N, C-alpha and C. Protein backbone atom coordinates (compact mmCIF):
# COMPACT_ATOMS: atom_id res chain seq x y z
N UNK A 1 0.66 -1.03 -0.09
CA UNK A 1 -0.08 -0.49 0.12
C UNK A 1 0.41 0.94 -0.31
N UNK A 2 2.09 1.45 0.74
CA UNK A 2 2.97 2.73 0.93
C UNK A 2 3.09 2.55 -0.35
N UNK A 3 3.49 1.39 -1.35
CA UNK A 3 4.75 1.68 -2.89
C UNK A 3 3.45 2.28 -3.20
N UNK A 4 2.56 1.88 -3.30
CA UNK A 4 1.28 2.68 -4.46
C UNK A 4 1.44 3.79 -3.73
N UNK A 5 0.39 3.64 -2.37
CA UNK A 5 1.00 5.64 -2.37
C UNK A 5 1.66 6.14 -2.66
N UNK A 6 2.83 5.84 -2.25
CA UNK A 6 4.05 6.74 -3.18
C UNK A 6 4.17 7.23 -4.48
N UNK A 7 3.42 6.82 -5.24
CA UNK A 7 3.23 6.44 -7.40
C UNK A 7 2.06 7.68 -7.04
N UNK A 8 0.35 7.47 -6.39
CA UNK A 8 0.45 8.13 -6.91
C UNK A 8 0.32 9.85 -6.06
N UNK A 9 1.49 9.62 -5.25
CA UNK A 9 1.65 11.31 -4.63
C UNK A 9 2.46 11.49 -5.86
N UNK A 10 3.61 10.90 -5.84
CA UNK A 10 4.43 10.89 -6.41
C UNK A 10 4.40 11.67 -8.40
N UNK A 11 3.00 10.93 -8.60
CA UNK A 11 2.40 12.01 -10.01
C UNK A 11 1.24 13.29 -9.62
N UNK A 12 1.27 13.00 -8.57
CA UNK A 12 0.44 14.22 -8.23
C UNK A 12 1.35 15.34 -8.10
N UNK A 13 1.96 14.97 -7.36
CA UNK A 13 3.39 16.24 -7.16
C UNK A 13 4.07 16.83 -7.97
N UNK A 14 4.91 16.07 -8.73
CA UNK A 14 5.32 15.86 -10.30
C UNK A 14 5.13 16.78 -10.99
N UNK A 15 3.12 16.60 -11.20
CA UNK A 15 2.32 17.94 -11.83
C UNK A 15 2.20 19.25 -11.44
N UNK A 16 2.83 19.46 -10.12
CA UNK A 16 3.01 20.98 -10.21
C UNK A 16 4.20 21.88 -9.65
N UNK A 17 4.09 22.75 -10.57
CA UNK A 17 5.70 23.77 -10.08
C UNK A 17 5.87 24.43 -8.42
N UNK A 18 5.72 23.59 -7.59
CA UNK A 18 6.15 24.14 -6.50
C UNK A 18 8.35 23.59 -5.87
N UNK A 19 8.42 24.16 -5.40
CA UNK A 19 10.12 23.58 -4.66
C UNK A 19 9.95 23.14 -3.60
N UNK A 20 8.56 23.11 -2.83
CA UNK A 20 8.44 22.39 -1.85
C UNK A 20 7.04 21.30 -0.98
N UNK A 21 6.85 20.47 -1.13
CA UNK A 21 5.52 19.63 -0.82
C UNK A 21 5.59 19.35 0.85
N UNK A 22 4.03 19.70 0.86
CA UNK A 22 4.05 19.04 2.65
C UNK A 22 2.76 18.22 2.53
N UNK A 23 3.21 16.57 3.44
CA UNK A 23 2.05 15.78 2.98
C UNK A 23 1.58 15.55 4.56
N UNK A 24 0.16 15.81 4.93
CA UNK A 24 0.37 14.95 6.25
C UNK A 24 -0.77 13.92 6.60
N UNK A 25 -0.35 12.51 7.16
CA UNK A 25 -0.90 11.78 7.05
C UNK A 25 -2.03 11.52 9.03
N UNK A 26 -3.12 12.49 8.87
CA UNK A 26 -4.07 12.26 9.71
C UNK A 26 -4.65 12.06 10.85
N UNK A 27 -3.84 10.80 12.38
CA UNK A 27 -4.17 10.24 12.65
C UNK A 27 -3.29 8.97 12.41
N UNK A 28 -2.64 9.73 12.19
CA UNK A 28 -1.41 8.29 12.19
C UNK A 28 -0.88 7.30 13.10
N UNK A 29 -1.68 7.21 14.04
CA UNK A 29 -0.94 5.41 14.67
C UNK A 29 0.49 5.27 14.55
N UNK A 30 0.57 4.12 14.75
CA UNK A 30 1.32 3.58 14.23
C UNK A 30 2.55 4.23 13.96
N UNK A 31 2.50 5.15 12.48
CA UNK A 31 3.45 5.27 11.14
C UNK A 31 3.70 4.75 10.23
N UNK A 32 3.06 3.40 11.15
CA UNK A 32 4.29 2.20 9.53
C UNK A 32 3.93 3.22 8.12
N UNK A 33 2.16 3.61 8.05
CA UNK A 33 2.62 3.98 6.94
C UNK A 33 3.32 5.54 6.38
N UNK A 34 2.78 6.43 6.79
CA UNK A 34 4.10 7.51 7.15
C UNK A 34 5.28 6.87 6.67
N UNK A 35 5.86 5.63 7.87
CA UNK A 35 7.71 4.96 6.61
C UNK A 35 7.44 4.22 5.64
N UNK A 36 6.05 3.53 5.55
CA UNK A 36 6.58 2.97 3.98
C UNK A 36 6.19 3.77 2.94
N UNK A 37 5.64 4.30 2.93
CA UNK A 37 4.80 5.75 1.61
C UNK A 37 6.92 6.38 1.94
N UNK A 38 7.42 6.95 3.03
CA UNK A 38 8.63 7.21 2.66
C UNK A 38 9.81 6.90 2.12
N UNK A 39 9.61 5.43 2.92
CA UNK A 39 10.74 4.55 1.93
C UNK A 39 10.20 4.60 0.39
N UNK A 40 8.92 4.16 0.01
CA UNK A 40 8.90 3.93 -1.30
C UNK A 40 9.47 5.23 -2.09
N UNK A 41 9.10 6.47 -1.13
CA UNK A 41 9.29 7.53 -2.11
C UNK A 41 10.99 8.12 -2.45
N UNK A 42 11.85 7.48 -1.21
CA UNK A 42 12.67 7.53 -1.12
C UNK A 42 13.72 6.57 -2.24
N UNK A 43 13.32 5.85 -2.08
CA UNK A 43 13.69 4.58 -3.22
C UNK A 43 13.43 4.84 -5.07
N UNK A 44 11.83 5.43 -5.12
CA UNK A 44 11.75 5.25 -5.86
C UNK A 44 12.08 6.60 -7.05
N UNK A 45 12.22 7.83 -6.06
CA UNK A 45 11.86 8.73 -6.69
C UNK A 45 12.76 9.71 -5.71
N UNK A 46 14.14 9.93 -5.56
CA UNK A 46 14.60 9.87 -4.50
C UNK A 46 14.76 12.03 -4.35
N UNK A 47 14.39 12.67 -5.85
CA UNK A 47 14.75 13.59 -5.88
C UNK A 47 13.33 14.72 -5.23
N UNK A 48 12.41 14.20 -5.81
CA UNK A 48 11.43 14.22 -5.16
C UNK A 48 11.11 14.53 -3.70
N UNK A 49 11.75 12.64 -3.46
CA UNK A 49 12.11 12.46 -1.74
C UNK A 49 12.31 13.97 -0.90
N UNK A 50 13.37 14.71 -1.22
CA UNK A 50 14.30 15.78 -1.25
C UNK A 50 13.25 16.75 -1.12
N UNK A 51 12.17 16.81 -1.51
CA UNK A 51 11.00 18.01 -1.08
C UNK A 51 10.44 18.63 -0.21
N UNK A 52 10.81 16.39 0.52
CA UNK A 52 9.05 16.54 0.51
C UNK A 52 9.15 16.80 2.37
N UNK A 53 7.93 17.11 3.09
CA UNK A 53 8.16 16.96 4.27
C UNK A 53 6.34 16.47 5.00
N UNK A 54 7.17 15.29 5.40
CA UNK A 54 5.94 15.09 5.69
C UNK A 54 6.01 15.05 7.29
N UNK A 55 3.95 15.83 7.73
CA UNK A 55 3.16 15.60 8.88
C UNK A 55 3.26 14.82 8.96
N UNK A 56 3.10 14.03 10.17
CA UNK A 56 3.00 12.93 10.99
C UNK A 56 2.15 13.36 12.20
N UNK A 57 0.85 13.35 12.38
CA UNK A 57 -0.63 14.08 13.29
C UNK A 57 -1.04 13.44 13.97
N UNK A 58 -1.69 13.40 15.15
CA UNK A 58 -2.41 12.79 15.68
C UNK A 58 -2.54 13.66 16.72
N UNK A 59 -4.25 13.34 17.57
CA UNK A 59 -4.23 13.63 18.22
C UNK A 59 -4.01 13.83 19.99
N UNK A 60 -2.92 13.09 19.77
CA UNK A 60 -2.79 12.88 21.35
C UNK A 60 -1.61 12.79 21.40
N UNK A 61 -0.48 14.34 22.24
CA UNK A 61 1.11 14.41 22.29
C UNK A 61 1.68 12.89 22.36
N UNK A 62 0.72 12.23 23.25
CA UNK A 62 1.73 11.14 23.75
C UNK A 62 1.89 10.36 22.82
N UNK A 63 0.93 9.82 22.15
CA UNK A 63 1.03 9.94 21.14
C UNK A 63 2.37 9.86 19.88
N UNK A 64 2.42 11.62 19.32
CA UNK A 64 3.15 11.49 19.43
C UNK A 64 4.60 11.52 19.40
N UNK A 65 5.15 12.16 20.98
CA UNK A 65 6.22 11.82 21.51
C UNK A 65 7.00 9.96 20.87
N UNK A 66 6.52 9.64 21.01
CA UNK A 66 6.29 8.32 21.34
C UNK A 66 6.44 7.51 19.45
N UNK A 67 5.78 7.91 19.05
CA UNK A 67 6.74 7.74 17.14
C UNK A 67 7.82 8.66 16.87
N UNK A 68 8.13 10.09 17.38
CA UNK A 68 9.38 10.93 17.68
C UNK A 68 10.43 9.33 17.69
N UNK A 69 10.72 9.41 18.96
CA UNK A 69 11.35 8.06 19.96
C UNK A 69 11.87 6.82 18.67
N UNK A 70 10.83 6.67 17.82
CA UNK A 70 10.96 4.94 17.05
C UNK A 70 11.47 5.65 16.65
N UNK A 71 12.64 4.20 17.00
CA UNK A 71 13.85 4.33 16.10
C UNK A 71 13.76 4.20 14.34
N UNK A 72 12.84 3.67 14.13
CA UNK A 72 11.95 3.39 12.36
C UNK A 72 12.40 4.47 11.43
N UNK A 73 11.79 5.33 12.68
CA UNK A 73 11.91 7.20 12.08
C UNK A 73 13.05 7.67 11.39
N UNK A 74 14.27 7.22 11.83
CA UNK A 74 15.95 7.81 12.17
C UNK A 74 16.14 8.48 11.30
N UNK A 75 15.69 7.09 10.25
CA UNK A 75 16.88 7.01 8.86
C UNK A 75 15.85 8.66 7.16
N UNK A 76 14.58 8.28 8.28
CA UNK A 76 14.04 9.74 7.22
C UNK A 76 13.75 11.02 8.33
N UNK A 77 14.52 11.38 9.71
CA UNK A 77 13.98 12.38 10.30
C UNK A 77 14.60 13.41 9.86
N UNK A 78 15.09 13.93 8.57
CA UNK A 78 14.96 15.15 8.08
C UNK A 78 13.46 15.34 6.84
N UNK A 79 13.53 14.62 7.08
CA UNK A 79 11.83 14.78 6.18
C UNK A 79 10.45 14.91 6.85
N UNK A 80 10.67 14.98 8.03
CA UNK A 80 9.82 14.62 9.20
C UNK A 80 9.08 15.83 10.61
N UNK A 81 7.98 15.60 10.03
CA UNK A 81 7.79 16.61 11.14
C UNK A 81 6.66 16.52 11.87
N UNK A 82 6.44 16.53 13.89
CA UNK A 82 4.95 15.57 14.04
C UNK A 82 4.48 16.65 14.58
N UNK A 83 3.08 16.76 14.30
CA UNK A 83 2.19 17.87 15.52
C UNK A 83 0.84 16.82 15.47
N UNK A 84 0.56 17.92 15.68
CA UNK A 84 -1.01 17.74 17.47
C UNK A 84 -2.33 18.48 16.20
N UNK A 85 -2.95 17.80 15.64
CA UNK A 85 -3.62 17.95 15.51
C UNK A 85 -4.99 17.39 15.60
N UNK A 86 -6.41 17.87 15.70
CA UNK A 86 -7.65 17.79 15.82
C UNK A 86 -8.42 17.93 14.44
N UNK A 87 -8.51 16.74 14.47
CA UNK A 87 -8.98 16.85 12.02
C UNK A 87 -10.18 16.71 13.08
N UNK A 88 -11.45 17.53 14.11
CA UNK A 88 -12.58 17.48 13.57
C UNK A 88 -12.60 19.55 13.55
N UNK A 89 -11.66 20.16 13.50
CA UNK A 89 -10.91 21.14 13.97
C UNK A 89 -9.68 21.81 13.54
N UNK A 90 -9.55 20.89 12.35
CA UNK A 90 -7.81 20.76 12.38
C UNK A 90 -7.29 22.38 12.20
N UNK A 91 -5.83 22.24 12.05
CA UNK A 91 -5.72 23.95 12.21
C UNK A 91 -3.81 24.24 11.69
N UNK A 92 -3.96 23.31 10.01
CA UNK A 92 -2.55 23.05 9.61
C UNK A 92 -1.87 24.32 10.34
N UNK A 93 -0.39 23.71 9.90
CA UNK A 93 0.82 24.87 10.12
C UNK A 93 1.40 24.99 8.85
N UNK A 94 0.94 25.02 8.17
CA UNK A 94 1.10 24.92 6.70
C UNK A 94 -0.05 24.14 5.18
N UNK A 95 -0.46 24.85 4.33
CA UNK A 95 -1.02 24.59 3.73
C UNK A 95 -1.31 23.47 3.23
N UNK A 96 -1.02 22.03 3.51
CA UNK A 96 -0.99 20.92 2.38
C UNK A 96 -1.03 21.09 1.46
N UNK A 97 -0.27 19.94 0.89
CA UNK A 97 -0.61 19.20 -0.87
C UNK A 97 -1.24 17.98 -0.95
N UNK A 98 -0.86 17.21 -0.30
CA UNK A 98 -1.77 16.03 0.83
C UNK A 98 -1.93 15.47 1.64
N UNK A 99 -3.03 15.46 1.79
CA UNK A 99 -3.41 15.00 2.63
C UNK A 99 -4.49 13.16 3.64
N UNK A 100 -3.66 12.72 3.61
CA UNK A 100 -4.01 11.34 4.24
C UNK A 100 -4.64 10.22 5.14
N UNK A 101 -5.91 9.89 5.05
CA UNK A 101 -6.10 10.11 6.42
C UNK A 101 -7.28 8.65 5.96
N UNK A 102 -5.93 7.62 5.88
CA UNK A 102 -6.27 6.30 5.73
C UNK A 102 -7.08 5.23 6.76
N UNK A 103 -7.08 6.01 8.23
CA UNK A 103 -7.03 5.67 9.15
C UNK A 103 -7.81 6.48 10.12
N UNK A 104 -8.30 6.80 9.75
CA UNK A 104 -9.57 8.74 10.50
C UNK A 104 -10.83 8.11 10.16
N UNK A 105 -11.02 8.11 8.80
CA UNK A 105 -12.14 8.11 8.61
C UNK A 105 -12.99 7.58 8.92
N UNK A 106 -13.03 5.84 9.77
CA UNK A 106 -14.29 5.14 10.55
C UNK A 106 -14.43 6.18 11.66
N UNK A 107 -13.18 6.57 11.90
CA UNK A 107 -13.37 6.91 13.15
C UNK A 107 -14.42 8.32 13.74
N UNK A 108 -14.40 9.23 12.95
CA UNK A 108 -14.93 9.88 12.90
C UNK A 108 -16.94 10.08 13.00
N UNK A 109 -17.20 11.05 13.61
CA UNK A 109 -18.88 11.46 14.02
C UNK A 109 -18.85 11.69 13.00
N UNK A 110 -19.88 10.85 12.58
CA UNK A 110 -20.89 10.76 11.18
C UNK A 110 -21.23 12.82 11.01
N UNK A 111 -21.33 13.05 11.46
CA UNK A 111 -21.74 15.08 11.75
C UNK A 111 -20.39 15.63 11.00
N UNK A 112 -18.90 15.04 11.26
CA UNK A 112 -18.13 15.70 10.37
C UNK A 112 -17.78 15.02 8.64
N UNK A 113 -18.35 14.49 8.77
CA UNK A 113 -18.21 13.58 7.35
C UNK A 113 -18.44 14.65 6.29
N UNK A 114 -18.98 15.56 6.10
CA UNK A 114 -18.84 16.13 5.05
C UNK A 114 -18.85 17.42 5.25
N UNK A 115 -17.94 17.61 4.47
CA UNK A 115 -17.34 19.44 4.38
C UNK A 115 -17.50 20.75 3.52
N UNK A 116 -18.15 21.29 3.47
CA UNK A 116 -18.42 22.05 2.66
C UNK A 116 -17.69 23.55 2.89
N UNK A 117 -16.66 23.61 2.29
CA UNK A 117 -16.56 25.83 1.78
C UNK A 117 -16.38 26.15 3.89
N UNK A 118 -15.91 25.47 3.49
CA UNK A 118 -15.32 24.46 5.39
C UNK A 118 -15.48 24.73 6.23
N UNK A 119 -16.52 24.33 6.44
CA UNK A 119 -17.33 23.88 6.94
C UNK A 119 -18.23 23.14 7.02
N UNK A 120 -17.76 22.30 8.90
CA UNK A 120 -18.99 21.58 9.01
C UNK A 120 -20.45 21.31 8.92
N UNK A 121 -20.79 19.90 7.54
CA UNK A 121 -21.99 20.31 7.89
C UNK A 121 -22.79 19.20 8.91
N UNK A 122 -23.42 18.86 10.15
CA UNK A 122 -24.26 18.06 10.74
C UNK A 122 -25.41 17.54 10.25
N UNK A 123 -25.14 15.69 9.99
CA UNK A 123 -26.21 15.39 9.34
C UNK A 123 -25.69 13.63 10.21
N UNK A 124 -27.34 13.39 9.93
CA UNK A 124 -27.55 11.94 10.73
C UNK A 124 -27.49 11.05 9.97
N UNK A 125 -27.61 9.59 10.74
CA UNK A 125 -26.93 8.56 10.21
C UNK A 125 -27.37 8.43 9.17
N UNK A 126 -28.76 8.94 8.40
CA UNK A 126 -30.36 8.81 7.00
C UNK A 126 -29.28 9.49 6.37
N UNK A 127 -28.34 10.43 6.94
CA UNK A 127 -27.86 11.80 5.07
C UNK A 127 -28.95 12.53 5.14
N UNK A 128 -30.45 13.09 6.37
CA UNK A 128 -30.64 14.16 6.73
C UNK A 128 -29.93 14.89 8.04
N UNK A 129 -29.99 16.16 7.15
CA UNK A 129 -29.58 16.98 8.48
C UNK A 129 -31.09 17.75 9.48
């Protein structure tokens, strides 16, 4: 999965004329998806890899502290930023180029699942407001 996401991210980013890119994984959990994506980007496209800052985010600072201490991430330390982000009211440190929500969407309350013009719309499980 990390390799396929790295390919899709690379395809998208190479089409943009920017000197640097910011990728965010929201609710990174163990961080293994971020690790696999960064490993794949480093191997498949080292030039693009050097243009990326990967923001690993979690709602709980304790989880981020544990991730930051994990020796598996040392090889990507120059590319990583650890940030607290509450996805129900996100405040990004920079404008994201890519946001990955792979482990978060299924745990959000339904009322946060539809966003239009930067405002959350509350919905019942049936889809009615």
